[in-house]
Each structure stands twice: as C-alpha cells, then as structure tokens.
Amino acid sequence: MITSICLATSALAQQKISWEAQASIGSTSLSNNLGGLVQPKIGFQLGMRATKDIPSITQGVYGNAGAFIASKGASFDLDVIKTNATAYYLEIPVHLGYKKAVNEQITVFGEAGPYLGYGIMGNSNTQVINYSGETITENEDVFKTTDRMTYGLGLRCGVEFKQKYTVSVGYDNSFSNDINSLTLTLGYKL
C-alpha cells in the first residue's frame, strides 16, 4: 500500500493538477458475523480531489488524491438493546485510474487505490431494557469502542460530462475495522 501511495504521489508531481469538488451520499455497513441484526446507515462525503494525468505510463492513465469529511455508522436493534452509532472521519484516498473518451462530451473512468482515515468525532447511543422493564440510555464517544485510525482499499467508476461534471459509484472496503461504504458521487471540476 505504501509503495502505491509513493508511486502515485511521484507521478502526480510531474503534471498539471486539476481540482474537483465532490459530494457523495451512500450506505455504510458493518461486515461482521451478526448477520441481519446490524442495519446499514445513510452517510455522506464532502471534499476535494486533485487529479493529474500520467501520460508517461500510457494515454488515459491518471492519479489523484483527495481530502474528505465522511460520516459512517450502523444501528443494531435487538428486543432488549438498541444501538445507533455515527462517526465522522477525515479520509485521504490516493487512487490510480484510467479514463477513455467515448466522444467529445463523454468520458468513462475507473480507479482504485488505498485510503487512510482518522476519526474526528462520533457518538454512540445505546438503549437497554433491564430485567425490570426499565429503559436505560447511555451516550458515549464512539471511539471508545472503535479505532480512530482506519485504512482500506477504495474503488470508483463513473462518467465525466463536458470535461466538467462527474457521476460515479464507489466502494470502500476497510481493512482496519468492519465499516464499508457504497457511495454515489457527484463532482464538479473547477
């Protein structure tokens, strides 16, 4: 993973940078052994991405890096216990991709690469019904039970219109915790 970050960063340093503002909405889920007990949550990502073409490899190859604020979480609902957790991360993806022009107005692209995230804030709300039927509510920092540092692999594919607007679908698979994300992203190139 470190090698791919170094190669992408080195290649990006040699070309002109283009900037893109992006907003995503998607579903975050836990990939664990609790089956259907854990429900996915709707989350978001907001941020910027810098992209550079890398024609020295081959025409259409590019690299990019971004900085995003992302919300992730899940809810757990069993008869006697309910938990709703949301965490906010600063995420930095570094991707290598390939794009191909369909015509003068439309370009398709696909990219993949590692990401690193740091939890900046989060809350977990748990309601437990005790043996006497009384509901006890607890609120705590979600990072007491979840790692602040996350890392994983992200994939993204989409379409660019008029060299200005992008629509893409992405998937981030975490290697450090059980939170995975599937997103729909709209972008605007500055």
N, C-alpha and C. Protein backbone atom coordinates (compact mmCIF):
# COMPACT_ATOMS: atom_id res chain seq x y z
N MET A 1 0.83 -1.18 0.00
CA MET A 1 0.00 0.00 0.00
C MET A 1 0.88 1.26 0.00
N ILE A 2 1.95 1.26 0.80
CA ILE A 2 2.83 2.42 0.86
C ILE A 2 3.51 2.64 -0.49
N THR A 3 3.88 1.54 -1.18
CA THR A 3 4.50 1.66 -2.49
C THR A 3 3.57 2.33 -3.49
N SER A 4 2.28 1.92 -3.49
CA SER A 4 1.33 2.52 -4.44
C SER A 4 1.11 4.00 -4.14
N ILE A 5 1.10 4.38 -2.85
CA ILE A 5 0.96 5.80 -2.49
C ILE A 5 2.18 6.58 -3.00
N CYS A 6 3.38 6.04 -2.80
CA CYS A 6 4.60 6.72 -3.25
C CYS A 6 4.65 6.86 -4.76
N LEU A 7 4.28 5.79 -5.49
CA LEU A 7 4.27 5.86 -6.96
C LEU A 7 3.27 6.88 -7.47
N ALA A 8 2.06 6.86 -6.89
CA ALA A 8 1.04 7.81 -7.33
C ALA A 8 1.45 9.24 -7.01
N THR A 9 2.00 9.47 -5.83
CA THR A 9 2.43 10.81 -5.44
C THR A 9 3.55 11.30 -6.34
N SER A 10 4.52 10.44 -6.64
CA SER A 10 5.63 10.80 -7.52
C SER A 10 5.14 11.15 -8.92
N ALA A 11 4.23 10.33 -9.43
CA ALA A 11 3.69 10.58 -10.77
C ALA A 11 2.86 11.85 -10.81
N LEU A 12 2.10 12.13 -9.74
CA LEU A 12 1.28 13.34 -9.70
C LEU A 12 2.13 14.60 -9.71
N ALA A 13 3.32 14.55 -9.15
CA ALA A 13 4.17 15.73 -9.03
C ALA A 13 4.68 16.22 -10.37
N GLN A 14 4.56 15.42 -11.42
CA GLN A 14 5.15 15.77 -12.71
C GLN A 14 4.17 16.42 -13.69
N GLN A 15 2.92 16.53 -13.39
CA GLN A 15 1.91 17.02 -14.34
C GLN A 15 1.09 18.17 -13.74
N LYS A 16 0.27 18.78 -14.61
CA LYS A 16 -0.64 19.84 -14.18
C LYS A 16 -1.79 19.25 -13.36
N ILE A 17 -2.14 19.94 -12.29
CA ILE A 17 -3.19 19.47 -11.39
C ILE A 17 -4.54 20.06 -11.79
N SER A 18 -5.59 19.23 -11.78
CA SER A 18 -6.96 19.73 -11.91
C SER A 18 -7.69 19.41 -10.60
N TRP A 19 -8.62 20.28 -10.22
CA TRP A 19 -9.33 20.16 -8.94
C TRP A 19 -10.79 19.83 -9.19
N GLU A 20 -11.35 19.04 -8.29
CA GLU A 20 -12.76 18.66 -8.39
C GLU A 20 -13.40 18.66 -7.01
N ALA A 21 -14.50 19.37 -6.86
CA ALA A 21 -15.31 19.33 -5.64
C ALA A 21 -16.28 18.16 -5.76
N GLN A 22 -16.44 17.41 -4.67
CA GLN A 22 -17.30 16.23 -4.73
C GLN A 22 -18.21 16.15 -3.51
N ALA A 23 -19.41 15.64 -3.76
CA ALA A 23 -20.38 15.37 -2.69
C ALA A 23 -20.96 13.98 -2.95
N SER A 24 -20.99 13.16 -1.89
CA SER A 24 -21.47 11.78 -2.02
C SER A 24 -22.54 11.49 -0.98
N ILE A 25 -23.40 10.57 -1.34
CA ILE A 25 -24.35 10.00 -0.39
C ILE A 25 -24.26 8.50 -0.58
N GLY A 26 -24.41 7.78 0.52
CA GLY A 26 -24.29 6.34 0.38
C GLY A 26 -24.69 5.60 1.63
N SER A 27 -24.41 4.31 1.59
CA SER A 27 -24.76 3.41 2.66
C SER A 27 -23.48 2.88 3.30
N THR A 28 -23.41 2.94 4.63
CA THR A 28 -22.30 2.34 5.34
C THR A 28 -22.82 1.13 6.11
N SER A 29 -22.02 0.09 6.15
CA SER A 29 -22.45 -1.13 6.82
C SER A 29 -21.28 -1.78 7.54
N LEU A 30 -21.61 -2.69 8.43
CA LEU A 30 -20.61 -3.46 9.15
C LEU A 30 -20.52 -4.84 8.51
N SER A 31 -19.30 -5.28 8.20
CA SER A 31 -19.11 -6.62 7.66
C SER A 31 -18.64 -7.52 8.80
N ASN A 32 -19.59 -7.97 9.60
CA ASN A 32 -19.24 -8.81 10.75
C ASN A 32 -20.15 -10.04 10.79
N ASN A 33 -20.07 -10.80 11.85
CA ASN A 33 -20.82 -12.04 11.93
C ASN A 33 -22.17 -11.91 12.63
N LEU A 34 -22.71 -10.70 12.73
CA LEU A 34 -24.00 -10.51 13.40
C LEU A 34 -25.18 -10.63 12.44
N GLY A 35 -24.90 -10.93 11.17
CA GLY A 35 -25.96 -11.18 10.21
C GLY A 35 -26.86 -9.98 10.00
N GLY A 36 -28.18 -10.20 10.00
CA GLY A 36 -29.14 -9.14 9.75
C GLY A 36 -29.45 -8.27 10.94
N LEU A 37 -28.79 -8.49 12.07
CA LEU A 37 -29.07 -7.69 13.26
C LEU A 37 -28.53 -6.26 13.12
N VAL A 38 -27.46 -6.08 12.37
CA VAL A 38 -26.86 -4.76 12.19
C VAL A 38 -27.39 -4.16 10.90
N GLN A 39 -28.01 -2.99 11.01
CA GLN A 39 -28.60 -2.32 9.86
C GLN A 39 -27.67 -1.24 9.32
N PRO A 40 -27.55 -1.10 7.99
CA PRO A 40 -26.72 -0.04 7.43
C PRO A 40 -27.32 1.34 7.70
N LYS A 41 -26.47 2.36 7.61
CA LYS A 41 -26.90 3.74 7.79
C LYS A 41 -26.55 4.54 6.55
N ILE A 42 -27.33 5.58 6.30
CA ILE A 42 -27.03 6.51 5.22
C ILE A 42 -25.95 7.47 5.72
N GLY A 43 -24.94 7.67 4.89
CA GLY A 43 -23.84 8.57 5.24
C GLY A 43 -23.54 9.52 4.10
N PHE A 44 -22.54 10.36 4.29
CA PHE A 44 -22.16 11.31 3.25
C PHE A 44 -20.65 11.48 3.22
N GLN A 45 -20.17 12.07 2.12
CA GLN A 45 -18.78 12.50 1.99
C GLN A 45 -18.79 13.86 1.29
N LEU A 46 -17.97 14.78 1.77
CA LEU A 46 -17.79 16.08 1.14
C LEU A 46 -16.31 16.38 1.09
N GLY A 47 -15.84 16.88 -0.06
CA GLY A 47 -14.42 17.21 -0.12
C GLY A 47 -13.94 17.59 -1.50
N MET A 48 -12.62 17.58 -1.62
CA MET A 48 -11.94 17.97 -2.86
C MET A 48 -10.99 16.86 -3.28
N ARG A 49 -10.79 16.77 -4.59
CA ARG A 49 -9.87 15.79 -5.16
C ARG A 49 -8.98 16.50 -6.17
N ALA A 50 -7.68 16.24 -6.11
CA ALA A 50 -6.72 16.77 -7.08
C ALA A 50 -6.32 15.64 -8.01
N THR A 51 -6.33 15.90 -9.32
CA THR A 51 -6.05 14.87 -10.32
C THR A 51 -4.97 15.35 -11.28
N LYS A 52 -4.08 14.42 -11.65
CA LYS A 52 -3.05 14.69 -12.66
C LYS A 52 -3.02 13.53 -13.65
N ASP A 53 -2.93 13.88 -14.92
CA ASP A 53 -2.73 12.87 -15.95
C ASP A 53 -1.30 12.36 -15.87
N ILE A 54 -1.11 11.08 -16.21
CA ILE A 54 0.22 10.47 -16.21
C ILE A 54 0.45 9.84 -17.58
N PRO A 55 0.65 10.67 -18.62
CA PRO A 55 0.81 10.12 -19.97
C PRO A 55 2.12 9.34 -20.14
N SER A 56 3.07 9.50 -19.22
CA SER A 56 4.33 8.75 -19.35
C SER A 56 4.10 7.25 -19.19
N ILE A 57 3.03 6.85 -18.50
CA ILE A 57 2.70 5.43 -18.39
C ILE A 57 1.98 5.00 -19.66
N THR A 58 0.87 5.62 -19.95
CA THR A 58 0.13 5.44 -21.19
C THR A 58 -0.99 6.49 -21.23
N GLN A 59 -1.45 6.82 -22.40
CA GLN A 59 -2.51 7.81 -22.56
C GLN A 59 -3.76 7.34 -21.83
N GLY A 60 -4.35 8.21 -21.00
CA GLY A 60 -5.57 7.90 -20.27
C GLY A 60 -5.33 7.55 -18.80
N VAL A 61 -4.08 7.29 -18.41
CA VAL A 61 -3.78 6.96 -17.02
C VAL A 61 -3.66 8.26 -16.22
N TYR A 62 -4.19 8.25 -15.01
CA TYR A 62 -4.12 9.42 -14.13
C TYR A 62 -3.99 8.96 -12.69
N GLY A 63 -3.61 9.88 -11.84
CA GLY A 63 -3.56 9.64 -10.41
C GLY A 63 -4.29 10.77 -9.71
N ASN A 64 -4.86 10.47 -8.56
CA ASN A 64 -5.50 11.54 -7.79
C ASN A 64 -5.40 11.26 -6.30
N ALA A 65 -5.55 12.33 -5.55
CA ALA A 65 -5.58 12.27 -4.09
C ALA A 65 -6.63 13.27 -3.63
N GLY A 66 -7.28 12.95 -2.52
CA GLY A 66 -8.34 13.83 -2.04
C GLY A 66 -8.33 13.95 -0.54
N ALA A 67 -9.18 14.84 -0.06
CA ALA A 67 -9.42 15.01 1.37
C ALA A 67 -10.93 15.17 1.54
N PHE A 68 -11.52 14.32 2.37
CA PHE A 68 -12.97 14.28 2.53
C PHE A 68 -13.37 14.16 4.00
N ILE A 69 -14.48 14.78 4.34
CA ILE A 69 -15.15 14.53 5.61
C ILE A 69 -16.23 13.50 5.29
N ALA A 70 -16.23 12.38 6.00
CA ALA A 70 -17.16 11.29 5.73
C ALA A 70 -17.88 10.87 7.00
N SER A 71 -19.19 10.64 6.89
CA SER A 71 -19.94 10.10 8.02
C SER A 71 -20.20 8.61 7.76
N LYS A 72 -20.00 7.82 8.81
CA LYS A 72 -20.21 6.38 8.70
C LYS A 72 -20.86 5.91 9.99
N GLY A 73 -21.53 4.76 9.92
CA GLY A 73 -22.13 4.23 11.12
C GLY A 73 -23.01 3.05 10.85
N ALA A 74 -23.70 2.61 11.89
CA ALA A 74 -24.61 1.47 11.79
C ALA A 74 -25.55 1.50 12.99
N SER A 75 -26.62 0.75 12.88
CA SER A 75 -27.53 0.61 14.01
C SER A 75 -27.77 -0.87 14.26
N PHE A 76 -27.99 -1.20 15.52
CA PHE A 76 -28.18 -2.56 15.97
C PHE A 76 -29.48 -2.57 16.76
N ASP A 77 -30.41 -3.45 16.40
CA ASP A 77 -31.71 -3.47 17.07
C ASP A 77 -32.09 -4.90 17.45
N LEU A 78 -31.99 -5.17 18.72
CA LEU A 78 -32.45 -6.43 19.29
C LEU A 78 -33.52 -6.05 20.31
N ASP A 79 -34.38 -6.93 20.69
CA ASP A 79 -35.50 -6.57 21.56
C ASP A 79 -35.09 -5.82 22.82
N VAL A 80 -34.02 -6.22 23.47
CA VAL A 80 -33.64 -5.62 24.74
C VAL A 80 -32.52 -4.59 24.63
N ILE A 81 -31.93 -4.46 23.46
CA ILE A 81 -30.85 -3.49 23.29
C ILE A 81 -30.92 -2.88 21.89
N LYS A 82 -30.78 -1.55 21.86
CA LYS A 82 -30.76 -0.81 20.59
C LYS A 82 -29.56 0.13 20.62
N THR A 83 -28.77 0.10 19.55
CA THR A 83 -27.61 0.98 19.47
C THR A 83 -27.62 1.70 18.13
N ASN A 84 -27.32 2.98 18.16
CA ASN A 84 -27.22 3.80 16.96
C ASN A 84 -25.89 4.54 17.04
N ALA A 85 -24.97 4.26 16.12
CA ALA A 85 -23.64 4.86 16.18
C ALA A 85 -23.33 5.59 14.88
N THR A 86 -22.76 6.79 15.02
CA THR A 86 -22.31 7.58 13.88
C THR A 86 -20.93 8.13 14.19
N ALA A 87 -20.03 8.02 13.20
CA ALA A 87 -18.67 8.54 13.35
C ALA A 87 -18.34 9.40 12.14
N TYR A 88 -17.55 10.43 12.36
CA TYR A 88 -17.12 11.33 11.29
C TYR A 88 -15.60 11.19 11.15
N TYR A 89 -15.16 11.01 9.92
CA TYR A 89 -13.75 10.78 9.62
C TYR A 89 -13.22 11.81 8.63
N LEU A 90 -11.94 12.11 8.75
CA LEU A 90 -11.19 12.79 7.69
C LEU A 90 -10.54 11.67 6.91
N GLU A 91 -10.88 11.54 5.62
CA GLU A 91 -10.34 10.46 4.80
C GLU A 91 -9.50 11.02 3.66
N ILE A 92 -8.39 10.34 3.39
CA ILE A 92 -7.47 10.73 2.33
C ILE A 92 -7.27 9.53 1.40
N PRO A 93 -7.98 9.51 0.25
CA PRO A 93 -7.77 8.44 -0.72
C PRO A 93 -6.69 8.84 -1.73
N VAL A 94 -5.92 7.85 -2.18
CA VAL A 94 -4.93 8.03 -3.25
C VAL A 94 -5.22 6.95 -4.28
N HIS A 95 -5.66 7.35 -5.46
CA HIS A 95 -6.09 6.39 -6.49
C HIS A 95 -5.27 6.53 -7.76
N LEU A 96 -5.17 5.43 -8.47
CA LEU A 96 -4.61 5.38 -9.82
C LEU A 96 -5.75 4.95 -10.73
N GLY A 97 -5.94 5.63 -11.85
CA GLY A 97 -7.09 5.33 -12.68
C GLY A 97 -6.79 5.38 -14.17
N TYR A 98 -7.83 5.03 -14.94
CA TYR A 98 -7.76 5.07 -16.39
C TYR A 98 -9.06 5.66 -16.91
N LYS A 99 -8.93 6.57 -17.90
CA LYS A 99 -10.12 7.18 -18.50
C LYS A 99 -10.07 7.02 -20.01
N LYS A 100 -11.24 6.93 -20.62
CA LYS A 100 -11.35 6.75 -22.06
C LYS A 100 -12.49 7.62 -22.58
N ALA A 101 -12.18 8.46 -23.55
CA ALA A 101 -13.20 9.32 -24.15
C ALA A 101 -14.10 8.50 -25.06
N VAL A 102 -15.41 8.60 -24.86
CA VAL A 102 -16.40 7.96 -25.72
C VAL A 102 -16.65 8.85 -26.93
N ASN A 103 -16.76 10.16 -26.66
CA ASN A 103 -16.87 11.18 -27.71
C ASN A 103 -16.38 12.49 -27.11
N GLU A 104 -16.64 13.61 -27.76
CA GLU A 104 -16.14 14.90 -27.25
C GLU A 104 -16.81 15.32 -25.95
N GLN A 105 -17.96 14.80 -25.65
CA GLN A 105 -18.72 15.21 -24.47
C GLN A 105 -18.65 14.23 -23.30
N ILE A 106 -18.36 12.95 -23.56
CA ILE A 106 -18.46 11.92 -22.53
C ILE A 106 -17.16 11.14 -22.41
N THR A 107 -16.70 10.95 -21.17
CA THR A 107 -15.52 10.14 -20.85
C THR A 107 -15.90 9.18 -19.73
N VAL A 108 -15.51 7.92 -19.86
CA VAL A 108 -15.73 6.95 -18.79
C VAL A 108 -14.41 6.74 -18.06
N PHE A 109 -14.49 6.40 -16.76
CA PHE A 109 -13.26 6.21 -15.99
C PHE A 109 -13.45 5.16 -14.90
N GLY A 110 -12.34 4.62 -14.46
CA GLY A 110 -12.31 3.70 -13.34
C GLY A 110 -11.01 3.89 -12.59
N GLU A 111 -11.05 3.74 -11.28
CA GLU A 111 -9.85 3.96 -10.48
C GLU A 111 -9.90 3.14 -9.20
N ALA A 112 -8.74 2.92 -8.60
CA ALA A 112 -8.66 2.17 -7.36
C ALA A 112 -7.41 2.60 -6.61
N GLY A 113 -7.44 2.41 -5.30
CA GLY A 113 -6.26 2.71 -4.50
C GLY A 113 -6.57 2.71 -3.02
N PRO A 114 -5.55 2.89 -2.22
CA PRO A 114 -5.72 2.87 -0.77
C PRO A 114 -6.31 4.17 -0.23
N TYR A 115 -6.84 4.09 0.98
CA TYR A 115 -7.25 5.30 1.69
C TYR A 115 -6.84 5.18 3.14
N LEU A 116 -6.70 6.32 3.77
CA LEU A 116 -6.36 6.42 5.19
C LEU A 116 -7.37 7.36 5.81
N GLY A 117 -7.89 7.02 6.98
CA GLY A 117 -8.88 7.86 7.64
C GLY A 117 -8.55 8.06 9.11
N TYR A 118 -9.01 9.19 9.64
CA TYR A 118 -8.83 9.49 11.05
C TYR A 118 -10.17 9.97 11.62
N GLY A 119 -10.63 9.33 12.68
CA GLY A 119 -11.90 9.70 13.30
C GLY A 119 -11.80 11.01 14.05
N ILE A 120 -12.63 11.98 13.68
CA ILE A 120 -12.56 13.30 14.31
C ILE A 120 -13.64 13.49 15.38
N MET A 121 -14.78 12.80 15.25
CA MET A 121 -15.80 12.83 16.29
C MET A 121 -16.84 11.78 15.99
N GLY A 122 -17.59 11.41 17.02
CA GLY A 122 -18.64 10.41 16.84
C GLY A 122 -19.37 10.14 18.13
N ASN A 123 -20.56 9.58 18.01
CA ASN A 123 -21.39 9.33 19.18
C ASN A 123 -22.09 7.98 19.01
N SER A 124 -22.22 7.28 20.12
CA SER A 124 -22.95 6.03 20.16
C SER A 124 -24.05 6.16 21.21
N ASN A 125 -25.29 5.91 20.81
CA ASN A 125 -26.43 5.98 21.70
C ASN A 125 -26.98 4.57 21.88
N THR A 126 -26.99 4.07 23.11
CA THR A 126 -27.46 2.71 23.39
C THR A 126 -28.62 2.76 24.39
N GLN A 127 -29.68 2.04 24.08
CA GLN A 127 -30.82 1.89 24.98
C GLN A 127 -30.94 0.42 25.36
N VAL A 128 -30.92 0.16 26.66
CA VAL A 128 -31.01 -1.21 27.17
C VAL A 128 -32.24 -1.31 28.07
N ILE A 129 -33.03 -2.36 27.86
CA ILE A 129 -34.17 -2.63 28.75
C ILE A 129 -33.70 -3.65 29.77
N ASN A 130 -33.66 -3.25 31.05
CA ASN A 130 -33.15 -4.15 32.08
C ASN A 130 -34.22 -5.16 32.51
N TYR A 131 -33.89 -6.02 33.46
CA TYR A 131 -34.77 -7.11 33.88
C TYR A 131 -36.10 -6.63 34.45
N SER A 132 -36.17 -5.38 34.95
CA SER A 132 -37.44 -4.87 35.49
C SER A 132 -38.26 -4.10 34.44
N GLY A 133 -37.79 -4.08 33.19
CA GLY A 133 -38.51 -3.40 32.12
C GLY A 133 -38.18 -1.94 31.97
N GLU A 134 -37.25 -1.43 32.77
CA GLU A 134 -36.84 -0.04 32.72
C GLU A 134 -35.82 0.17 31.58
N THR A 135 -35.97 1.28 30.84
CA THR A 135 -35.04 1.59 29.76
C THR A 135 -33.92 2.48 30.28
N ILE A 136 -32.70 2.05 30.05
CA ILE A 136 -31.51 2.80 30.43
C ILE A 136 -30.83 3.27 29.15
N THR A 137 -30.55 4.58 29.08
CA THR A 137 -29.93 5.16 27.90
C THR A 137 -28.51 5.59 28.23
N GLU A 138 -27.58 5.23 27.34
CA GLU A 138 -26.18 5.62 27.50
C GLU A 138 -25.69 6.27 26.22
N ASN A 139 -25.02 7.41 26.36
CA ASN A 139 -24.36 8.07 25.24
C ASN A 139 -22.87 8.08 25.53
N GLU A 140 -22.07 7.74 24.53
CA GLU A 140 -20.63 7.78 24.72
C GLU A 140 -19.92 8.06 23.40
N ASP A 141 -18.66 8.44 23.51
CA ASP A 141 -17.81 8.66 22.35
C ASP A 141 -17.65 7.33 21.61
N VAL A 142 -17.98 7.30 20.33
CA VAL A 142 -17.92 6.06 19.57
C VAL A 142 -16.50 5.51 19.49
N PHE A 143 -15.49 6.39 19.65
CA PHE A 143 -14.10 5.94 19.54
C PHE A 143 -13.58 5.27 20.82
N LYS A 144 -14.45 5.12 21.81
CA LYS A 144 -14.07 4.29 22.97
C LYS A 144 -14.09 2.82 22.59
N THR A 145 -14.90 2.46 21.58
CA THR A 145 -15.01 1.06 21.16
C THR A 145 -14.59 0.83 19.71
N THR A 146 -14.27 1.90 18.97
CA THR A 146 -13.87 1.81 17.57
C THR A 146 -12.55 2.55 17.39
N ASP A 147 -11.67 1.99 16.57
CA ASP A 147 -10.38 2.64 16.29
C ASP A 147 -10.58 3.96 15.57
N ARG A 148 -9.80 4.96 15.94
CA ARG A 148 -9.83 6.24 15.23
C ARG A 148 -9.17 6.13 13.86
N MET A 149 -8.08 5.41 13.77
CA MET A 149 -7.37 5.27 12.50
C MET A 149 -8.00 4.15 11.68
N THR A 150 -8.28 4.45 10.42
CA THR A 150 -8.81 3.44 9.51
C THR A 150 -8.00 3.45 8.23
N TYR A 151 -8.00 2.33 7.55
CA TYR A 151 -7.35 2.24 6.24
C TYR A 151 -8.01 1.13 5.46
N GLY A 152 -7.91 1.22 4.15
CA GLY A 152 -8.53 0.20 3.32
C GLY A 152 -8.28 0.46 1.85
N LEU A 153 -9.10 -0.14 1.03
CA LEU A 153 -8.99 -0.03 -0.42
C LEU A 153 -10.29 0.51 -0.98
N GLY A 154 -10.18 1.50 -1.87
CA GLY A 154 -11.35 2.09 -2.50
C GLY A 154 -11.36 1.86 -4.00
N LEU A 155 -12.55 1.71 -4.56
CA LEU A 155 -12.77 1.55 -5.99
C LEU A 155 -13.80 2.57 -6.42
N ARG A 156 -13.65 3.10 -7.64
CA ARG A 156 -14.62 4.08 -8.14
C ARG A 156 -14.68 3.97 -9.65
N CYS A 157 -15.88 4.04 -10.21
CA CYS A 157 -16.03 4.10 -11.67
C CYS A 157 -17.18 5.06 -11.97
N GLY A 158 -17.07 5.70 -13.15
CA GLY A 158 -18.10 6.68 -13.46
C GLY A 158 -17.97 7.28 -14.83
N VAL A 159 -18.68 8.39 -15.00
CA VAL A 159 -18.76 9.08 -16.29
C VAL A 159 -18.51 10.56 -16.06
N GLU A 160 -17.74 11.17 -16.96
CA GLU A 160 -17.49 12.60 -16.94
C GLU A 160 -18.21 13.22 -18.14
N PHE A 161 -18.91 14.34 -17.90
CA PHE A 161 -19.66 15.02 -18.96
C PHE A 161 -19.05 16.39 -19.22
N LYS A 162 -18.81 16.69 -20.48
CA LYS A 162 -18.35 18.01 -20.92
C LYS A 162 -17.08 18.46 -20.20
N GLN A 163 -16.25 17.51 -19.78
CA GLN A 163 -15.00 17.79 -19.06
C GLN A 163 -15.22 18.67 -17.83
N LYS A 164 -16.43 18.63 -17.26
CA LYS A 164 -16.76 19.50 -16.13
C LYS A 164 -17.49 18.78 -15.00
N TYR A 165 -18.39 17.85 -15.32
CA TYR A 165 -19.23 17.19 -14.32
C TYR A 165 -18.94 15.69 -14.28
N THR A 166 -18.97 15.10 -13.09
CA THR A 166 -18.77 13.67 -12.97
C THR A 166 -19.88 13.04 -12.13
N VAL A 167 -20.20 11.81 -12.47
CA VAL A 167 -21.12 10.98 -11.69
C VAL A 167 -20.40 9.64 -11.53
N SER A 168 -20.30 9.16 -10.30
CA SER A 168 -19.57 7.91 -10.09
C SER A 168 -20.17 7.10 -8.95
N VAL A 169 -19.85 5.82 -8.97
CA VAL A 169 -20.21 4.89 -7.90
C VAL A 169 -18.91 4.38 -7.30
N GLY A 170 -18.83 4.35 -5.98
CA GLY A 170 -17.62 3.90 -5.32
C GLY A 170 -17.88 2.92 -4.20
N TYR A 171 -16.85 2.16 -3.88
CA TYR A 171 -16.92 1.21 -2.77
C TYR A 171 -15.62 1.27 -1.99
N ASP A 172 -15.70 1.48 -0.68
CA ASP A 172 -14.53 1.48 0.20
C ASP A 172 -14.62 0.28 1.12
N ASN A 173 -13.59 -0.57 1.08
CA ASN A 173 -13.51 -1.75 1.93
C ASN A 173 -12.45 -1.51 2.99
N SER A 174 -12.86 -1.43 4.25
CA SER A 174 -11.93 -1.16 5.34
C SER A 174 -11.20 -2.43 5.74
N PHE A 175 -9.88 -2.31 5.95
CA PHE A 175 -9.08 -3.42 6.47
C PHE A 175 -8.87 -3.29 7.97
N SER A 176 -9.17 -2.13 8.54
CA SER A 176 -8.86 -1.87 9.95
C SER A 176 -10.07 -1.99 10.88
N ASN A 177 -11.26 -1.78 10.36
CA ASN A 177 -12.47 -2.00 11.15
C ASN A 177 -13.51 -2.61 10.22
N ASP A 178 -14.70 -2.82 10.67
CA ASP A 178 -15.71 -3.53 9.89
C ASP A 178 -16.60 -2.62 9.05
N ILE A 179 -16.28 -1.31 8.97
CA ILE A 179 -17.17 -0.37 8.30
C ILE A 179 -16.81 -0.25 6.82
N ASN A 180 -17.76 -0.60 5.94
CA ASN A 180 -17.59 -0.50 4.50
C ASN A 180 -18.63 0.48 3.95
N SER A 181 -18.30 1.13 2.82
CA SER A 181 -19.19 2.15 2.27
C SER A 181 -19.43 1.93 0.79
N LEU A 182 -20.67 2.15 0.37
CA LEU A 182 -21.05 2.18 -1.04
C LEU A 182 -21.64 3.55 -1.30
N THR A 183 -21.07 4.31 -2.25
CA THR A 183 -21.47 5.70 -2.43
C THR A 183 -21.82 6.05 -3.88
N LEU A 184 -22.66 7.05 -4.01
CA LEU A 184 -22.98 7.69 -5.29
C LEU A 184 -22.44 9.12 -5.17
N THR A 185 -21.57 9.51 -6.10
CA THR A 185 -20.87 10.79 -6.00
C THR A 185 -21.16 11.69 -7.20
N LEU A 186 -21.39 12.97 -6.93
CA LEU A 186 -21.48 14.00 -7.96
C LEU A 186 -20.27 14.91 -7.80
N GLY A 187 -19.64 15.24 -8.93
CA GLY A 187 -18.45 16.09 -8.87
C GLY A 187 -18.53 17.24 -9.84
N TYR A 188 -17.81 18.31 -9.52
CA TYR A 188 -17.73 19.49 -10.37
C TYR A 188 -16.27 19.90 -10.48
N LYS A 189 -15.73 19.90 -11.70
CA LYS A 189 -14.33 20.25 -11.91
C LYS A 189 -14.17 21.76 -11.96
N LEU A 190 -13.27 22.27 -11.13
CA LEU A 190 -13.05 23.72 -11.02
C LEU A 190 -12.12 24.22 -12.10
